[in-house]
């Protein structure tokens, strides 16, 4: 997660907890950074004018004035339920942190009775998951949106580790498994990289050339490819 996303995430985390405080240590664990980094980020948010303050004491921490941030949203309970289900399905995806804060944001800006109904309905929806569900690295999301060449340390199907410079073109999810679709410079062609085989993901400063991803490049032998924005 880059710093901009983390700053937004901190605001949403504090808004969801308001008026209860969140300690810097708990926030650091939540965003997988050091306490010093969290304190520096919160100081930057305070300097930008956001109503965040620190409460002293053993049970103290940071608090935000939630009433001074977002206005009401025009979601019906059924629409909110649909959004919450969709976000809940991303629990093991590369977008899980953003999905969690988006769900909190949605409920925070709805009128309290509608938010309560949507939450109650959503609690009746369950996902049947495997005992060991693969969790995609969060850096996968940054690699997808950065529009930069990405360096991968990757385990191939035989278990051998390779180093790849790739140009991300998109992603595919199938049965809970996430794949980064990219032009692989090592293989000089389009390849699908499984998220659970990625050992490290480094986004470089190099912009790749423009490439068009065609369905035939993926050599999909079954199923139909559908974008999340398709009706």
C-alpha atoms as a PDB file:
ATOM      1  CA  UNK A   1       0.000   0.000   0.000  1.00  0.00           C
ATOM      2  CA  UNK A   2       1.475   3.360  -0.999  1.00  0.00           C
ATOM      3  CA  UNK A   3       1.415   6.393   1.300  1.00  0.00           C
ATOM      4  CA  UNK A   4      -1.541   8.091  -0.388  1.00  0.00           C
ATOM      5  CA  UNK A   5      -3.711   4.999   0.023  1.00  0.00           C
ATOM      6  CA  UNK A   6      -2.524   4.616   3.604  1.00  0.00           C
ATOM      7  CA  UNK A   7      -3.488   8.211   4.440  1.00  0.00           C
ATOM      8  CA  UNK A   8      -6.989   7.629   3.082  1.00  0.00           C
ATOM      9  CA  UNK A   9      -7.113   4.341   4.961  1.00  0.00           C
ATOM     10  CA  UNK A  10      -6.125   5.988   8.244  1.00  0.00           C
ATOM     11  CA  UNK A  11      -8.918   8.521   7.899  1.00  0.00           C
ATOM     12  CA  UNK A  12     -11.475   5.786   7.195  1.00  0.00           C
ATOM     13  CA  UNK A  13     -10.193   3.639  10.072  1.00  0.00           C
ATOM     14  CA  UNK A  14     -10.529   6.535  12.505  1.00  0.00           C
ATOM     15  CA  UNK A  15     -13.934   7.492  11.099  1.00  0.00           C
ATOM     16  CA  UNK A  16     -15.219   3.932  11.507  1.00  0.00           C
ATOM     17  CA  UNK A  17     -14.033   3.832  15.137  1.00  0.00           C
ATOM     18  CA  UNK A  18     -15.230   7.354  16.059  1.00  0.00           C
ATOM     19  CA  UNK A  19     -15.806   8.492  18.756  1.00  0.00           C
ATOM     20  CA  UNK A  20     -13.592   5.735  20.191  1.00  0.00           C
ATOM     21  CA  UNK A  21      -9.832   6.290  19.905  1.00  0.00           C
ATOM     22  CA  UNK A  22      -7.401   4.111  17.963  1.00  0.00           C
ATOM     23  CA  UNK A  23      -3.872   3.725  19.305  1.00  0.00           C
ATOM     24  CA  UNK A  24      -0.897   4.327  17.020  1.00  0.00           C
ATOM     25  CA  UNK A  25       0.255   0.760  17.682  1.00  0.00           C
ATOM     26  CA  UNK A  26      -3.065  -0.718  16.585  1.00  0.00           C
ATOM     27  CA  UNK A  27      -3.080   1.439  13.456  1.00  0.00           C
ATOM     28  CA  UNK A  28       0.498   0.394  12.694  1.00  0.00           C
ATOM     29  CA  UNK A  29      -0.477  -3.283  12.918  1.00  0.00           C
ATOM     30  CA  UNK A  30      -3.531  -2.666  10.749  1.00  0.00           C
ATOM     31  CA  UNK A  31      -1.501  -1.064   7.936  1.00  0.00           C
ATOM     32  CA  UNK A  32       1.636  -3.187   8.446  1.00  0.00           C
ATOM     33  CA  UNK A  33       3.977  -0.254   9.061  1.00  0.00           C
ATOM     34  CA  UNK A  34       5.909   1.075  12.051  1.00  0.00           C
ATOM     35  CA  UNK A  35       4.375   3.165  14.834  1.00  0.00           C
ATOM     36  CA  UNK A  36       6.686   6.006  13.832  1.00  0.00           C
ATOM     37  CA  UNK A  37       5.333   5.911  10.266  1.00  0.00           C
ATOM     38  CA  UNK A  38       1.731   6.053  11.521  1.00  0.00           C
ATOM     39  CA  UNK A  39       2.500   8.977  13.826  1.00  0.00           C
ATOM     40  CA  UNK A  40       4.169  10.829  10.952  1.00  0.00           C
ATOM     41  CA  UNK A  41       1.169  10.176   8.687  1.00  0.00           C
ATOM     42  CA  UNK A  42      -1.286  11.351  11.334  1.00  0.00           C
ATOM     43  CA  UNK A  43       0.737  14.523  11.876  1.00  0.00           C
ATOM     44  CA  UNK A  44       0.549  15.208   8.127  1.00  0.00           C
ATOM     45  CA  UNK A  45      -3.234  14.706   8.184  1.00  0.00           C
ATOM     46  CA  UNK A  46      -3.553  17.090  11.132  1.00  0.00           C
ATOM     47  CA  UNK A  47      -1.442  19.702   9.331  1.00  0.00           C
ATOM     48  CA  UNK A  48      -3.740  19.404   6.303  1.00  0.00           C
ATOM     49  CA  UNK A  49      -6.636  20.556   8.477  1.00  0.00           C
ATOM     50  CA  UNK A  50      -8.414  17.279   9.253  1.00  0.00           C
ATOM     51  CA  UNK A  51     -10.091  17.246  12.706  1.00  0.00           C
ATOM     52  CA  UNK A  52      -7.841  14.598  14.281  1.00  0.00           C
ATOM     53  CA  UNK A  53      -6.625  14.832  17.842  1.00  0.00           C
ATOM     54  CA  UNK A  54      -4.833  12.620  20.363  1.00  0.00           C
ATOM     55  CA  UNK A  55      -6.396  11.496  23.633  1.00  0.00           C
ATOM     56  CA  UNK A  56      -3.822  10.751  26.368  1.00  0.00           C
ATOM     57  CA  UNK A  57      -3.846   7.817  28.748  1.00  0.00           C
ATOM     58  CA  UNK A  58      -3.574   4.036  28.677  1.00  0.00           C
ATOM     59  CA  UNK A  59      -6.811   3.675  26.712  1.00  0.00           C
ATOM     60  CA  UNK A  60      -6.225   6.780  24.628  1.00  0.00           C
ATOM     61  CA  UNK A  61      -5.222   7.179  21.021  1.00  0.00           C
ATOM     62  CA  UNK A  62      -6.222   9.154  17.957  1.00  0.00           C
ATOM     63  CA  UNK A  63      -9.777  10.335  17.275  1.00  0.00           C
ATOM     64  CA  UNK A  64     -11.405  12.013  14.269  1.00  0.00           C
ATOM     65  CA  UNK A  65     -14.545  14.131  14.188  1.00  0.00           C
ATOM     66  CA  UNK A  66     -16.595  11.948  11.822  1.00  0.00           C
ATOM     67  CA  UNK A  67     -19.310  14.586  11.480  1.00  0.00           C
ATOM     68  CA  UNK A  68     -16.861  16.951   9.814  1.00  0.00           C
ATOM     69  CA  UNK A  69     -16.025  14.658   6.891  1.00  0.00           C
ATOM     70  CA  UNK A  70     -18.486  12.876   4.605  1.00  0.00           C
ATOM     71  CA  UNK A  71     -22.091  13.715   3.783  1.00  0.00           C
ATOM     72  CA  UNK A  72     -25.001  11.273   3.312  1.00  0.00           C
ATOM     73  CA  UNK A  73     -25.037   8.777   0.434  1.00  0.00           C
ATOM     74  CA  UNK A  74     -28.077   7.884  -1.627  1.00  0.00           C
ATOM     75  CA  UNK A  75     -27.879   4.085  -1.396  1.00  0.00           C
ATOM     76  CA  UNK A  76     -31.000   2.052  -0.706  1.00  0.00           C
ATOM     77  CA  UNK A  77     -30.593  -0.852   1.762  1.00  0.00           C
ATOM     78  CA  UNK A  78     -30.698  -3.335  -1.149  1.00  0.00           C
ATOM     79  CA  UNK A  79     -28.012  -1.407  -3.059  1.00  0.00           C
ATOM     80  CA  UNK A  80     -25.872  -1.177   0.056  1.00  0.00           C
ATOM     81  CA  UNK A  81     -26.324  -4.910   0.646  1.00  0.00           C
ATOM     82  CA  UNK A  82     -25.157  -5.679  -2.892  1.00  0.00           C
ATOM     83  CA  UNK A  83     -22.073  -3.486  -2.420  1.00  0.00           C
ATOM     84  CA  UNK A  84     -21.256  -5.067   0.953  1.00  0.00           C
ATOM     85  CA  UNK A  85     -21.530  -8.572  -0.526  1.00  0.00           C
ATOM     86  CA  UNK A  86     -19.234  -7.634  -3.391  1.00  0.00           C
ATOM     87  CA  UNK A  87     -16.681  -6.091  -1.049  1.00  0.00           C
ATOM     88  CA  UNK A  88     -16.903  -9.065   1.307  1.00  0.00           C
ATOM     89  CA  UNK A  89     -15.992 -11.374  -1.564  1.00  0.00           C
ATOM     90  CA  UNK A  90     -12.611  -9.590  -1.771  1.00  0.00           C
ATOM     91  CA  UNK A  91     -11.430 -10.719   1.671  1.00  0.00           C
ATOM     92  CA  UNK A  92      -8.463 -12.691   0.292  1.00  0.00           C
ATOM     93  CA  UNK A  93      -7.906 -10.544  -2.784  1.00  0.00           C
ATOM     94  CA  UNK A  94      -5.141  -7.994  -3.407  1.00  0.00           C
ATOM     95  CA  UNK A  95      -7.792  -5.320  -2.801  1.00  0.00           C
ATOM     96  CA  UNK A  96      -8.849  -6.517   0.676  1.00  0.00           C
ATOM     97  CA  UNK A  97      -7.664  -3.446   2.615  1.00  0.00           C
ATOM     98  CA  UNK A  98      -9.436  -1.059   0.259  1.00  0.00           C
ATOM     99  CA  UNK A  99     -12.545  -3.271   0.299  1.00  0.00           C
ATOM    100  CA  UNK A 100     -12.647  -3.137   4.095  1.00  0.00           C
ATOM    101  CA  UNK A 101     -12.333   0.654   4.244  1.00  0.00           C
ATOM    102  CA  UNK A 102     -14.841   1.059   1.398  1.00  0.00           C
ATOM    103  CA  UNK A 103     -17.408  -0.991   3.339  1.00  0.00           C
ATOM    104  CA  UNK A 104     -16.869   1.142   6.415  1.00  0.00           C
ATOM    105  CA  UNK A 105     -17.118   4.307   4.361  1.00  0.00           C
ATOM    106  CA  UNK A 106     -20.376   3.154   2.791  1.00  0.00           C
ATOM    107  CA  UNK A 107     -21.998   2.486   6.162  1.00  0.00           C
ATOM    108  CA  UNK A 108     -20.569   5.666   7.685  1.00  0.00           C
ATOM    109  CA  UNK A 109     -22.253   7.939   5.141  1.00  0.00           C
ATOM    110  CA  UNK A 110     -25.656   6.217   5.166  1.00  0.00           C
ATOM    111  CA  UNK A 111     -28.442   7.272   7.532  1.00  0.00           C
ATOM    112  CA  UNK A 112     -28.124   5.201  10.706  1.00  0.00           C
ATOM    113  CA  UNK A 113     -31.376   3.192  10.242  1.00  0.00           C
ATOM    114  CA  UNK A 114     -30.468   2.256   6.645  1.00  0.00           C
ATOM    115  CA  UNK A 115     -26.902   1.378   7.636  1.00  0.00           C
ATOM    116  CA  UNK A 116     -28.183  -0.830  10.447  1.00  0.00           C
ATOM    117  CA  UNK A 117     -30.570  -2.662   8.119  1.00  0.00           C
ATOM    118  CA  UNK A 118     -27.898  -3.160   5.462  1.00  0.00           C
ATOM    119  CA  UNK A 119     -25.482  -4.534   8.072  1.00  0.00           C
ATOM    120  CA  UNK A 120     -28.146  -6.881   9.445  1.00  0.00           C
ATOM    121  CA  UNK A 121     -28.964  -8.190   5.968  1.00  0.00           C
ATOM    122  CA  UNK A 122     -25.276  -8.600   5.099  1.00  0.00           C
ATOM    123  CA  UNK A 123     -24.700 -10.661   8.271  1.00  0.00           C
ATOM    124  CA  UNK A 124     -27.007 -13.331   6.794  1.00  0.00           C
ATOM    125  CA  UNK A 125     -24.801 -13.800   3.709  1.00  0.00           C
ATOM    126  CA  UNK A 126     -21.902 -16.249   4.043  1.00  0.00           C
ATOM    127  CA  UNK A 127     -19.040 -17.493   1.905  1.00  0.00           C
ATOM    128  CA  UNK A 128     -17.945 -21.142   2.043  1.00  0.00           C
ATOM    129  CA  UNK A 129     -14.160 -21.019   1.946  1.00  0.00           C
ATOM    130  CA  UNK A 130     -11.414 -23.594   1.960  1.00  0.00           C
ATOM    131  CA  UNK A 131      -9.508 -24.134   5.231  1.00  0.00           C
ATOM    132  CA  UNK A 132      -6.421 -22.542   3.693  1.00  0.00           C
ATOM    133  CA  UNK A 133      -7.690 -19.886   1.317  1.00  0.00           C
ATOM    134  CA  UNK A 134      -4.814 -18.346  -0.702  1.00  0.00           C
ATOM    135  CA  UNK A 135      -4.333 -14.674   0.115  1.00  0.00           C
ATOM    136  CA  UNK A 136      -2.922 -12.489  -2.644  1.00  0.00           C
ATOM    137  CA  UNK A 137      -0.190  -9.975  -1.708  1.00  0.00           C
ATOM    138  CA  UNK A 138      -1.493  -6.420  -1.402  1.00  0.00           C
ATOM    139  CA  UNK A 139       1.358  -5.200  -3.645  1.00  0.00           C
ATOM    140  CA  UNK A 140      -0.450  -6.983  -6.481  1.00  0.00           C
ATOM    141  CA  UNK A 141      -3.000  -4.127  -6.556  1.00  0.00           C
ATOM    142  CA  UNK A 142      -0.292  -1.484  -6.793  1.00  0.00           C
ATOM    143  CA  UNK A 143       1.393  -3.385  -9.616  1.00  0.00           C
ATOM    144  CA  UNK A 144      -1.898  -3.482 -11.493  1.00  0.00           C
ATOM    145  CA  UNK A 145      -2.677   0.231 -11.270  1.00  0.00           C
ATOM    146  CA  UNK A 146       0.794   1.767 -11.363  1.00  0.00           C
ATOM    147  CA  UNK A 147       1.279   1.708 -15.152  1.00  0.00           C
ATOM    148  CA  UNK A 148       4.932   0.843 -14.571  1.00  0.00           C
ATOM    149  CA  UNK A 149       7.240  -2.090 -15.273  1.00  0.00           C
ATOM    150  CA  UNK A 150       7.162  -4.515 -12.338  1.00  0.00           C
ATOM    151  CA  UNK A 151       9.950  -6.763 -11.113  1.00  0.00           C
ATOM    152  CA  UNK A 152       8.718 -10.138  -9.829  1.00  0.00           C
ATOM    153  CA  UNK A 153      10.458 -12.853  -7.865  1.00  0.00           C
ATOM    154  CA  UNK A 154       8.260 -15.735  -8.901  1.00  0.00           C
ATOM    155  CA  UNK A 155       7.983 -19.489  -8.399  1.00  0.00           C
ATOM    156  CA  UNK A 156       7.150 -21.343 -11.588  1.00  0.00           C
ATOM    157  CA  UNK A 157       4.980 -24.471 -11.757  1.00  0.00           C
ATOM    158  CA  UNK A 158       8.011 -26.652 -10.985  1.00  0.00           C
ATOM    159  CA  UNK A 159       8.857 -24.629  -7.864  1.00  0.00           C
ATOM    160  CA  UNK A 160      11.929 -22.926  -9.330  1.00  0.00           C
ATOM    161  CA  UNK A 161      12.352 -19.256  -8.468  1.00  0.00           C
ATOM    162  CA  UNK A 162      12.843 -16.854 -11.367  1.00  0.00           C
ATOM    163  CA  UNK A 163      13.211 -13.087 -11.697  1.00  0.00           C
ATOM    164  CA  UNK A 164      10.859 -11.455 -14.187  1.00  0.00           C
ATOM    165  CA  UNK A 165      10.431  -7.930 -15.521  1.00  0.00           C
ATOM    166  CA  UNK A 166       6.784  -7.703 -16.569  1.00  0.00           C
ATOM    167  CA  UNK A 167       4.390  -5.113 -17.977  1.00  0.00           C
ATOM    168  CA  UNK A 168       0.995  -5.506 -16.237  1.00  0.00           C
ATOM    169  CA  UNK A 169      -2.001  -5.630 -18.569  1.00  0.00           C
ATOM    170  CA  UNK A 170      -4.799  -6.784 -16.272  1.00  0.00           C
ATOM    171  CA  UNK A 171      -5.874  -9.416 -13.773  1.00  0.00           C
ATOM    172  CA  UNK A 172      -8.171 -12.432 -13.637  1.00  0.00           C
ATOM    173  CA  UNK A 173      -9.816 -14.134 -10.668  1.00  0.00           C
ATOM    174  CA  UNK A 174     -10.916 -17.780 -10.844  1.00  0.00           C
ATOM    175  CA  UNK A 175     -12.117 -19.875  -7.913  1.00  0.00           C
ATOM    176  CA  UNK A 176     -10.491 -17.562  -5.387  1.00  0.00           C
ATOM    177  CA  UNK A 177      -7.127 -17.532  -7.175  1.00  0.00           C
ATOM    178  CA  UNK A 178      -5.831 -14.209  -8.541  1.00  0.00           C
ATOM    179  CA  UNK A 179      -3.615 -13.904 -11.612  1.00  0.00           C
ATOM    180  CA  UNK A 180      -1.644 -10.924 -12.857  1.00  0.00           C
ATOM    181  CA  UNK A 181      -1.788 -10.837 -16.659  1.00  0.00           C
ATOM    182  CA  UNK A 182       1.340  -9.209 -18.020  1.00  0.00           C
ATOM    183  CA  UNK A 183       3.777  -9.043 -20.895  1.00  0.00           C
ATOM    184  CA  UNK A 184       6.753 -11.049 -19.669  1.00  0.00           C
ATOM    185  CA  UNK A 185      10.057  -9.746 -21.012  1.00  0.00           C
ATOM    186  CA  UNK A 186      11.796 -13.011 -20.146  1.00  0.00           C
ATOM    187  CA  UNK A 187       9.364 -15.051 -22.278  1.00  0.00           C
ATOM    188  CA  UNK A 188       8.613 -12.259 -24.765  1.00  0.00           C
ATOM    189  CA  UNK A 189       4.883 -12.796 -24.548  1.00  0.00           C
ATOM    190  CA  UNK A 190       1.730 -12.552 -22.454  1.00  0.00           C
ATOM    191  CA  UNK A 191       1.776 -14.685 -19.309  1.00  0.00           C
ATOM    192  CA  UNK A 192      -0.471 -15.210 -16.269  1.00  0.00           C
ATOM    193  CA  UNK A 193       1.269 -15.037 -12.879  1.00  0.00           C
ATOM    194  CA  UNK A 194      -0.441 -16.606  -9.878  1.00  0.00           C
ATOM    195  CA  UNK A 195      -0.527 -14.300  -6.889  1.00  0.00           C
ATOM    196  CA  UNK A 196       0.312 -17.025  -4.365  1.00  0.00           C
ATOM    197  CA  UNK A 197       3.546 -17.805  -6.239  1.00  0.00           C
ATOM    198  CA  UNK A 198       4.816 -14.230  -6.057  1.00  0.00           C
ATOM    199  CA  UNK A 199       7.673 -13.926  -3.569  1.00  0.00           C
ATOM    200  CA  UNK A 200       8.219 -10.197  -4.043  1.00  0.00           C
ATOM    201  CA  UNK A 201       6.720  -7.414  -6.153  1.00  0.00           C
ATOM    202  CA  UNK A 202       8.661  -4.240  -6.915  1.00  0.00           C
ATOM    203  CA  UNK A 203       7.163  -1.411  -8.952  1.00  0.00           C
ATOM    204  CA  UNK A 204       9.865   0.413 -10.926  1.00  0.00           C
ATOM    205  CA  UNK A 205       9.854   3.929 -12.352  1.00  0.00           C
ATOM    206  CA  UNK A 206       9.922   2.698 -15.956  1.00  0.00           C
ATOM    207  CA  UNK A 207       6.789   3.258 -18.037  1.00  0.00           C
ATOM    208  CA  UNK A 208       6.127   0.355 -20.422  1.00  0.00           C
ATOM    209  CA  UNK A 209       5.127   0.764 -24.033  1.00  0.00           C
ATOM    210  CA  UNK A 210       1.418   0.719 -24.821  1.00  0.00           C
ATOM    211  CA  UNK A 211       0.121  -2.802 -25.423  1.00  0.00           C
ATOM    212  CA  UNK A 212      -3.374  -4.084 -26.161  1.00  0.00           C
ATOM    213  CA  UNK A 213      -4.507  -7.232 -24.383  1.00  0.00           C
ATOM    214  CA  UNK A 214      -6.533  -9.516 -26.629  1.00  0.00           C
ATOM    215  CA  UNK A 215      -8.652 -12.406 -25.383  1.00  0.00           C
ATOM    216  CA  UNK A 216      -6.834 -14.782 -27.744  1.00  0.00           C
ATOM    217  CA  UNK A 217      -3.522 -13.902 -26.071  1.00  0.00           C
ATOM    218  CA  UNK A 218      -4.765 -15.587 -22.883  1.00  0.00           C
ATOM    219  CA  UNK A 219      -5.454 -18.995 -24.465  1.00  0.00           C
ATOM    220  CA  UNK A 220      -8.443 -19.563 -22.202  1.00  0.00           C
ATOM    221  CA  UNK A 221      -9.761 -23.070 -22.800  1.00  0.00           C
ATOM    222  CA  UNK A 222     -12.925 -22.849 -20.735  1.00  0.00           C
ATOM    223  CA  UNK A 223     -15.311 -20.260 -19.364  1.00  0.00           C
ATOM    224  CA  UNK A 224     -16.069 -16.756 -20.542  1.00  0.00           C
ATOM    225  CA  UNK A 225     -14.000 -13.714 -19.659  1.00  0.00           C
ATOM    226  CA  UNK A 226     -16.084 -10.914 -18.151  1.00  0.00           C
ATOM    227  CA  UNK A 227     -14.951  -7.498 -16.989  1.00  0.00           C
ATOM    228  CA  UNK A 228     -16.223  -6.188 -13.659  1.00  0.00           C
ATOM    229  CA  UNK A 229     -17.763  -3.236 -15.508  1.00  0.00           C
ATOM    230  CA  UNK A 230     -19.731  -5.430 -17.943  1.00  0.00           C
ATOM    231  CA  UNK A 231     -23.499  -5.431 -17.429  1.00  0.00           C
END
